[in-house]
Amino acid sequence: MNKNSLYQHLEYNADKPAVKVILESDFTKEIRILFKENQIMKEHQTPFPIVVEIVEGEILFGVEGKSHLLQKGDLISLSGSVPHDLKALSNSMVRLTLAKKDHSSRVQKVANQ
């Protein structure tokens, strides 16, 4: 059994989203991304399917050039190789579920762009 909390040790970065692996299981990696208002993750794609949950705030989620407003409680799933981007409309917390074979370092690189 693994246990952690999305709400412990919340540390926002001033200039880029804060990425942290919260939980790893036999089949997924659960990542918390903290955005300050107006922070972005530029367009990127993943090699595997993902699930994104908006835990707090509002995110403008771009998929293949079309923007979708996601708010607290919203979930979205994407297949691998689908271009997408994120922009925080307010301070936000995002939970990202990655396939076990995916690498959390890839998410950190996107946040640092």
N, C-alpha and C. Protein backbone atom coordinates (compact mmCIF):
# COMPACT_ATOMS: atom_id res chain seq x y z
N MET A 1 0.84 -1.19 0.00
CA MET A 1 0.00 0.00 0.00
C MET A 1 0.88 1.24 0.00
N ASN A 2 0.50 2.21 -0.82
CA ASN A 2 1.16 3.52 -0.85
C ASN A 2 0.15 4.58 -0.47
N LYS A 3 0.59 5.60 0.26
CA LYS A 3 -0.31 6.68 0.66
C LYS A 3 0.43 8.00 0.60
N ASN A 4 -0.25 9.02 0.10
CA ASN A 4 0.29 10.36 0.09
C ASN A 4 -0.87 11.33 0.01
N SER A 5 -0.61 12.62 -0.02
CA SER A 5 -1.65 13.64 -0.07
C SER A 5 -1.35 14.67 -1.15
N LEU A 6 -2.35 15.03 -1.91
CA LEU A 6 -2.20 16.11 -2.88
C LEU A 6 -2.00 17.46 -2.19
N TYR A 7 -2.46 17.58 -0.95
CA TYR A 7 -2.51 18.87 -0.27
C TYR A 7 -1.34 19.14 0.68
N GLN A 8 -0.40 18.20 0.83
CA GLN A 8 0.74 18.43 1.71
C GLN A 8 1.89 19.03 0.91
N HIS A 9 2.64 19.92 1.57
CA HIS A 9 3.86 20.50 1.00
C HIS A 9 3.60 21.20 -0.33
N LEU A 10 2.60 22.08 -0.34
CA LEU A 10 2.27 22.83 -1.55
C LEU A 10 3.28 23.96 -1.72
N GLU A 11 4.07 23.87 -2.78
CA GLU A 11 5.09 24.88 -3.07
C GLU A 11 4.96 25.29 -4.53
N TYR A 12 4.43 26.49 -4.74
CA TYR A 12 4.28 27.03 -6.09
C TYR A 12 5.60 27.67 -6.50
N ASN A 13 5.94 27.57 -7.77
CA ASN A 13 7.10 28.27 -8.32
C ASN A 13 6.64 29.62 -8.85
N ALA A 14 7.51 30.61 -8.77
CA ALA A 14 7.16 31.95 -9.23
C ALA A 14 7.02 32.03 -10.75
N ASP A 15 7.84 31.29 -11.48
CA ASP A 15 7.92 31.49 -12.92
C ASP A 15 7.52 30.30 -13.79
N LYS A 16 7.28 29.15 -13.19
CA LYS A 16 6.92 27.96 -13.97
C LYS A 16 6.11 27.01 -13.09
N PRO A 17 5.33 26.12 -13.71
CA PRO A 17 4.56 25.16 -12.91
C PRO A 17 5.47 24.27 -12.05
N ALA A 18 4.97 23.91 -10.87
CA ALA A 18 5.70 23.04 -9.95
C ALA A 18 5.21 21.60 -10.12
N VAL A 19 6.12 20.70 -10.49
CA VAL A 19 5.78 19.31 -10.79
C VAL A 19 6.34 18.41 -9.69
N LYS A 20 5.49 17.52 -9.16
CA LYS A 20 5.95 16.60 -8.12
C LYS A 20 5.24 15.26 -8.26
N VAL A 21 6.01 14.17 -8.24
CA VAL A 21 5.44 12.83 -8.20
C VAL A 21 4.86 12.62 -6.80
N ILE A 22 3.58 12.32 -6.74
CA ILE A 22 2.89 12.15 -5.45
C ILE A 22 2.79 10.68 -5.06
N LEU A 23 2.58 9.82 -6.05
CA LEU A 23 2.37 8.41 -5.76
C LEU A 23 2.75 7.58 -6.98
N GLU A 24 3.40 6.47 -6.73
CA GLU A 24 3.72 5.54 -7.80
C GLU A 24 3.18 4.17 -7.43
N SER A 25 2.48 3.54 -8.38
CA SER A 25 1.95 2.21 -8.15
C SER A 25 2.54 1.26 -9.17
N ASP A 26 2.04 0.04 -9.21
CA ASP A 26 2.54 -0.94 -10.19
C ASP A 26 2.14 -0.59 -11.62
N PHE A 27 1.14 0.30 -11.78
CA PHE A 27 0.65 0.58 -13.13
C PHE A 27 0.57 2.06 -13.49
N THR A 28 0.70 2.98 -12.52
CA THR A 28 0.64 4.41 -12.84
C THR A 28 1.64 5.22 -12.02
N LYS A 29 1.80 6.46 -12.45
CA LYS A 29 2.50 7.49 -11.68
C LYS A 29 1.51 8.64 -11.54
N GLU A 30 1.28 9.09 -10.32
CA GLU A 30 0.37 10.20 -10.05
C GLU A 30 1.22 11.43 -9.77
N ILE A 31 0.99 12.47 -10.57
CA ILE A 31 1.81 13.67 -10.50
C ILE A 31 0.92 14.86 -10.16
N ARG A 32 1.41 15.73 -9.28
CA ARG A 32 0.72 16.97 -8.95
C ARG A 32 1.45 18.10 -9.66
N ILE A 33 0.68 18.93 -10.35
CA ILE A 33 1.24 20.12 -11.00
C ILE A 33 0.53 21.33 -10.42
N LEU A 34 1.32 22.23 -9.82
CA LEU A 34 0.79 23.46 -9.24
C LEU A 34 1.09 24.62 -10.19
N PHE A 35 0.05 25.33 -10.58
CA PHE A 35 0.17 26.48 -11.47
C PHE A 35 -0.22 27.75 -10.73
N LYS A 36 0.58 28.79 -10.85
CA LYS A 36 0.11 30.12 -10.48
C LYS A 36 -0.65 30.67 -11.66
N GLU A 37 -1.52 31.62 -11.41
CA GLU A 37 -2.31 32.23 -12.48
C GLU A 37 -1.41 32.66 -13.64
N ASN A 38 -1.82 32.33 -14.84
CA ASN A 38 -1.15 32.66 -16.11
C ASN A 38 0.07 31.81 -16.44
N GLN A 39 0.46 30.87 -15.58
CA GLN A 39 1.55 29.98 -15.95
C GLN A 39 1.07 29.00 -17.01
N ILE A 40 1.99 28.56 -17.85
CA ILE A 40 1.63 27.68 -18.96
C ILE A 40 2.55 26.47 -19.03
N MET A 41 2.04 25.46 -19.70
CA MET A 41 2.87 24.35 -20.19
C MET A 41 2.65 24.37 -21.70
N LYS A 42 3.74 24.64 -22.43
CA LYS A 42 3.65 24.75 -23.88
C LYS A 42 3.20 23.44 -24.51
N GLU A 43 2.79 23.54 -25.77
CA GLU A 43 2.29 22.36 -26.47
C GLU A 43 3.31 21.23 -26.44
N HIS A 44 2.81 20.07 -26.13
CA HIS A 44 3.64 18.86 -26.05
C HIS A 44 2.74 17.66 -26.28
N GLN A 45 3.31 16.48 -26.30
CA GLN A 45 2.52 15.24 -26.41
C GLN A 45 3.20 14.15 -25.61
N THR A 46 2.43 13.14 -25.29
CA THR A 46 2.93 12.05 -24.47
C THR A 46 2.99 10.77 -25.31
N PRO A 47 3.89 9.88 -24.97
CA PRO A 47 3.96 8.62 -25.71
C PRO A 47 2.84 7.64 -25.33
N PHE A 48 2.21 7.86 -24.17
CA PHE A 48 1.19 6.95 -23.65
C PHE A 48 -0.08 7.75 -23.31
N PRO A 49 -1.22 7.08 -23.14
CA PRO A 49 -2.43 7.78 -22.70
C PRO A 49 -2.25 8.40 -21.32
N ILE A 50 -2.98 9.49 -21.07
CA ILE A 50 -2.94 10.19 -19.78
C ILE A 50 -4.36 10.51 -19.33
N VAL A 51 -4.49 10.80 -18.03
CA VAL A 51 -5.72 11.35 -17.46
C VAL A 51 -5.32 12.58 -16.68
N VAL A 52 -6.08 13.68 -16.88
CA VAL A 52 -5.83 14.94 -16.20
C VAL A 52 -7.07 15.28 -15.38
N GLU A 53 -6.86 15.62 -14.10
CA GLU A 53 -7.95 16.04 -13.22
C GLU A 53 -7.63 17.43 -12.70
N ILE A 54 -8.61 18.33 -12.75
CA ILE A 54 -8.44 19.66 -12.17
C ILE A 54 -8.92 19.57 -10.72
N VAL A 55 -7.97 19.63 -9.80
CA VAL A 55 -8.27 19.50 -8.37
C VAL A 55 -8.70 20.85 -7.81
N GLU A 56 -8.06 21.92 -8.24
CA GLU A 56 -8.38 23.28 -7.83
C GLU A 56 -8.16 24.21 -9.01
N GLY A 57 -8.95 25.27 -9.10
CA GLY A 57 -8.72 26.31 -10.09
C GLY A 57 -9.38 26.07 -11.43
N GLU A 58 -8.84 26.77 -12.43
CA GLU A 58 -9.34 26.70 -13.80
C GLU A 58 -8.17 26.64 -14.77
N ILE A 59 -8.26 25.75 -15.74
CA ILE A 59 -7.21 25.56 -16.73
C ILE A 59 -7.82 25.67 -18.12
N LEU A 60 -7.15 26.41 -18.98
CA LEU A 60 -7.50 26.41 -20.39
C LEU A 60 -6.65 25.31 -21.01
N PHE A 61 -7.30 24.26 -21.46
CA PHE A 61 -6.62 23.04 -21.93
C PHE A 61 -6.76 22.99 -23.44
N GLY A 62 -5.66 23.18 -24.14
CA GLY A 62 -5.67 23.16 -25.59
C GLY A 62 -5.39 21.76 -26.11
N VAL A 63 -6.23 21.31 -27.04
CA VAL A 63 -6.05 20.00 -27.66
C VAL A 63 -6.10 20.19 -29.18
N GLU A 64 -4.99 19.92 -29.81
CA GLU A 64 -4.89 20.04 -31.27
C GLU A 64 -5.44 21.38 -31.76
N GLY A 65 -5.06 22.47 -31.07
CA GLY A 65 -5.43 23.81 -31.49
C GLY A 65 -6.78 24.31 -31.01
N LYS A 66 -7.56 23.50 -30.29
CA LYS A 66 -8.87 23.92 -29.77
C LYS A 66 -8.80 23.99 -28.24
N SER A 67 -9.27 25.11 -27.66
CA SER A 67 -9.20 25.31 -26.22
C SER A 67 -10.47 24.83 -25.52
N HIS A 68 -10.28 24.23 -24.35
CA HIS A 68 -11.38 23.73 -23.52
C HIS A 68 -11.18 24.28 -22.11
N LEU A 69 -12.23 24.86 -21.54
CA LEU A 69 -12.16 25.35 -20.17
C LEU A 69 -12.40 24.18 -19.23
N LEU A 70 -11.42 23.88 -18.38
CA LEU A 70 -11.55 22.83 -17.38
C LEU A 70 -11.55 23.47 -16.00
N GLN A 71 -12.50 23.08 -15.17
CA GLN A 71 -12.64 23.64 -13.83
C GLN A 71 -12.55 22.54 -12.78
N LYS A 72 -12.47 22.97 -11.54
CA LYS A 72 -12.36 22.05 -10.41
C LYS A 72 -13.32 20.88 -10.57
N GLY A 73 -12.78 19.67 -10.49
CA GLY A 73 -13.58 18.46 -10.60
C GLY A 73 -13.62 17.86 -11.99
N ASP A 74 -13.21 18.62 -13.00
CA ASP A 74 -13.23 18.10 -14.37
C ASP A 74 -12.09 17.11 -14.61
N LEU A 75 -12.38 16.11 -15.42
CA LEU A 75 -11.41 15.10 -15.84
C LEU A 75 -11.36 15.06 -17.36
N ILE A 76 -10.18 14.81 -17.89
CA ILE A 76 -10.04 14.64 -19.33
C ILE A 76 -9.02 13.53 -19.56
N SER A 77 -9.27 12.72 -20.56
CA SER A 77 -8.30 11.68 -20.92
C SER A 77 -7.85 11.94 -22.35
N LEU A 78 -6.59 11.63 -22.61
CA LEU A 78 -6.03 11.78 -23.95
C LEU A 78 -5.26 10.53 -24.33
N SER A 79 -5.34 10.18 -25.58
CA SER A 79 -4.51 9.10 -26.10
C SER A 79 -3.08 9.62 -26.23
N GLY A 80 -2.13 8.74 -26.37
CA GLY A 80 -0.76 9.14 -26.62
C GLY A 80 -0.65 9.86 -27.95
N SER A 81 0.36 10.68 -28.09
CA SER A 81 0.69 11.41 -29.32
C SER A 81 -0.33 12.48 -29.71
N VAL A 82 -1.15 12.95 -28.77
CA VAL A 82 -2.10 14.03 -29.04
C VAL A 82 -1.50 15.33 -28.52
N PRO A 83 -1.23 16.31 -29.39
CA PRO A 83 -0.67 17.59 -28.95
C PRO A 83 -1.65 18.33 -28.02
N HIS A 84 -1.12 18.85 -26.92
CA HIS A 84 -1.94 19.59 -25.96
C HIS A 84 -1.09 20.60 -25.20
N ASP A 85 -1.75 21.61 -24.62
CA ASP A 85 -1.07 22.63 -23.82
C ASP A 85 -2.00 23.06 -22.70
N LEU A 86 -1.44 23.71 -21.69
CA LEU A 86 -2.23 24.14 -20.54
C LEU A 86 -1.87 25.57 -20.18
N LYS A 87 -2.90 26.35 -19.77
CA LYS A 87 -2.69 27.69 -19.23
C LYS A 87 -3.61 27.84 -18.02
N ALA A 88 -3.04 28.26 -16.90
CA ALA A 88 -3.82 28.45 -15.68
C ALA A 88 -4.52 29.80 -15.73
N LEU A 89 -5.84 29.80 -15.57
CA LEU A 89 -6.60 31.04 -15.51
C LEU A 89 -6.67 31.58 -14.09
N SER A 90 -6.35 30.73 -13.13
CA SER A 90 -6.24 31.10 -11.71
C SER A 90 -5.23 30.14 -11.09
N ASN A 91 -4.83 30.39 -9.85
CA ASN A 91 -3.96 29.42 -9.18
C ASN A 91 -4.67 28.07 -9.22
N SER A 92 -3.95 27.04 -9.65
CA SER A 92 -4.59 25.75 -9.92
C SER A 92 -3.72 24.58 -9.48
N MET A 93 -4.40 23.47 -9.18
CA MET A 93 -3.74 22.20 -8.89
C MET A 93 -4.28 21.17 -9.87
N VAL A 94 -3.36 20.50 -10.56
CA VAL A 94 -3.72 19.50 -11.55
C VAL A 94 -3.12 18.17 -11.12
N ARG A 95 -3.92 17.13 -11.22
CA ARG A 95 -3.42 15.77 -11.00
C ARG A 95 -3.30 15.10 -12.36
N LEU A 96 -2.12 14.62 -12.64
CA LEU A 96 -1.82 13.96 -13.91
C LEU A 96 -1.52 12.50 -13.64
N THR A 97 -2.23 11.61 -14.33
CA THR A 97 -1.97 10.18 -14.22
C THR A 97 -1.22 9.73 -15.47
N LEU A 98 -0.02 9.21 -15.25
CA LEU A 98 0.82 8.69 -16.32
C LEU A 98 0.85 7.18 -16.27
N ALA A 99 1.06 6.58 -17.42
CA ALA A 99 1.32 5.14 -17.47
C ALA A 99 2.66 4.86 -16.79
N LYS A 100 2.80 3.72 -16.20
CA LYS A 100 4.02 3.36 -15.49
C LYS A 100 5.26 3.48 -16.37
N LYS A 101 5.13 3.18 -17.68
CA LYS A 101 6.28 3.23 -18.59
C LYS A 101 6.69 4.65 -18.94
N ASP A 102 5.83 5.62 -18.68
CA ASP A 102 6.14 7.01 -18.97
C ASP A 102 7.10 7.55 -17.90
N HIS A 103 7.73 8.68 -18.19
CA HIS A 103 8.73 9.23 -17.28
C HIS A 103 8.28 10.59 -16.74
N SER A 104 8.31 10.73 -15.43
CA SER A 104 7.93 12.00 -14.81
C SER A 104 8.92 13.10 -15.19
N SER A 105 10.15 12.74 -15.50
CA SER A 105 11.15 13.75 -15.91
C SER A 105 10.72 14.45 -17.20
N ARG A 106 9.98 13.77 -18.05
CA ARG A 106 9.48 14.38 -19.27
C ARG A 106 8.52 15.50 -18.94
N VAL A 107 7.67 15.30 -17.94
CA VAL A 107 6.71 16.32 -17.52
C VAL A 107 7.47 17.53 -16.96
N GLN A 108 8.49 17.27 -16.17
CA GLN A 108 9.30 18.36 -15.61
C GLN A 108 9.96 19.18 -16.72
N LYS A 109 10.46 18.53 -17.75
CA LYS A 109 11.08 19.24 -18.88
C LYS A 109 10.07 20.14 -19.57
N VAL A 110 8.86 19.67 -19.77
CA VAL A 110 7.82 20.49 -20.40
C VAL A 110 7.51 21.71 -19.52
N ALA A 111 7.41 21.51 -18.22
CA ALA A 111 7.12 22.62 -17.30
C ALA A 111 8.23 23.65 -17.30
N ASN A 112 9.46 23.23 -17.54
CA ASN A 112 10.59 24.13 -17.52
C ASN A 112 10.78 24.93 -18.81
N GLN A 113 10.04 24.59 -19.85
CA GLN A 113 10.21 25.30 -21.13
C GLN A 113 9.77 26.73 -21.05
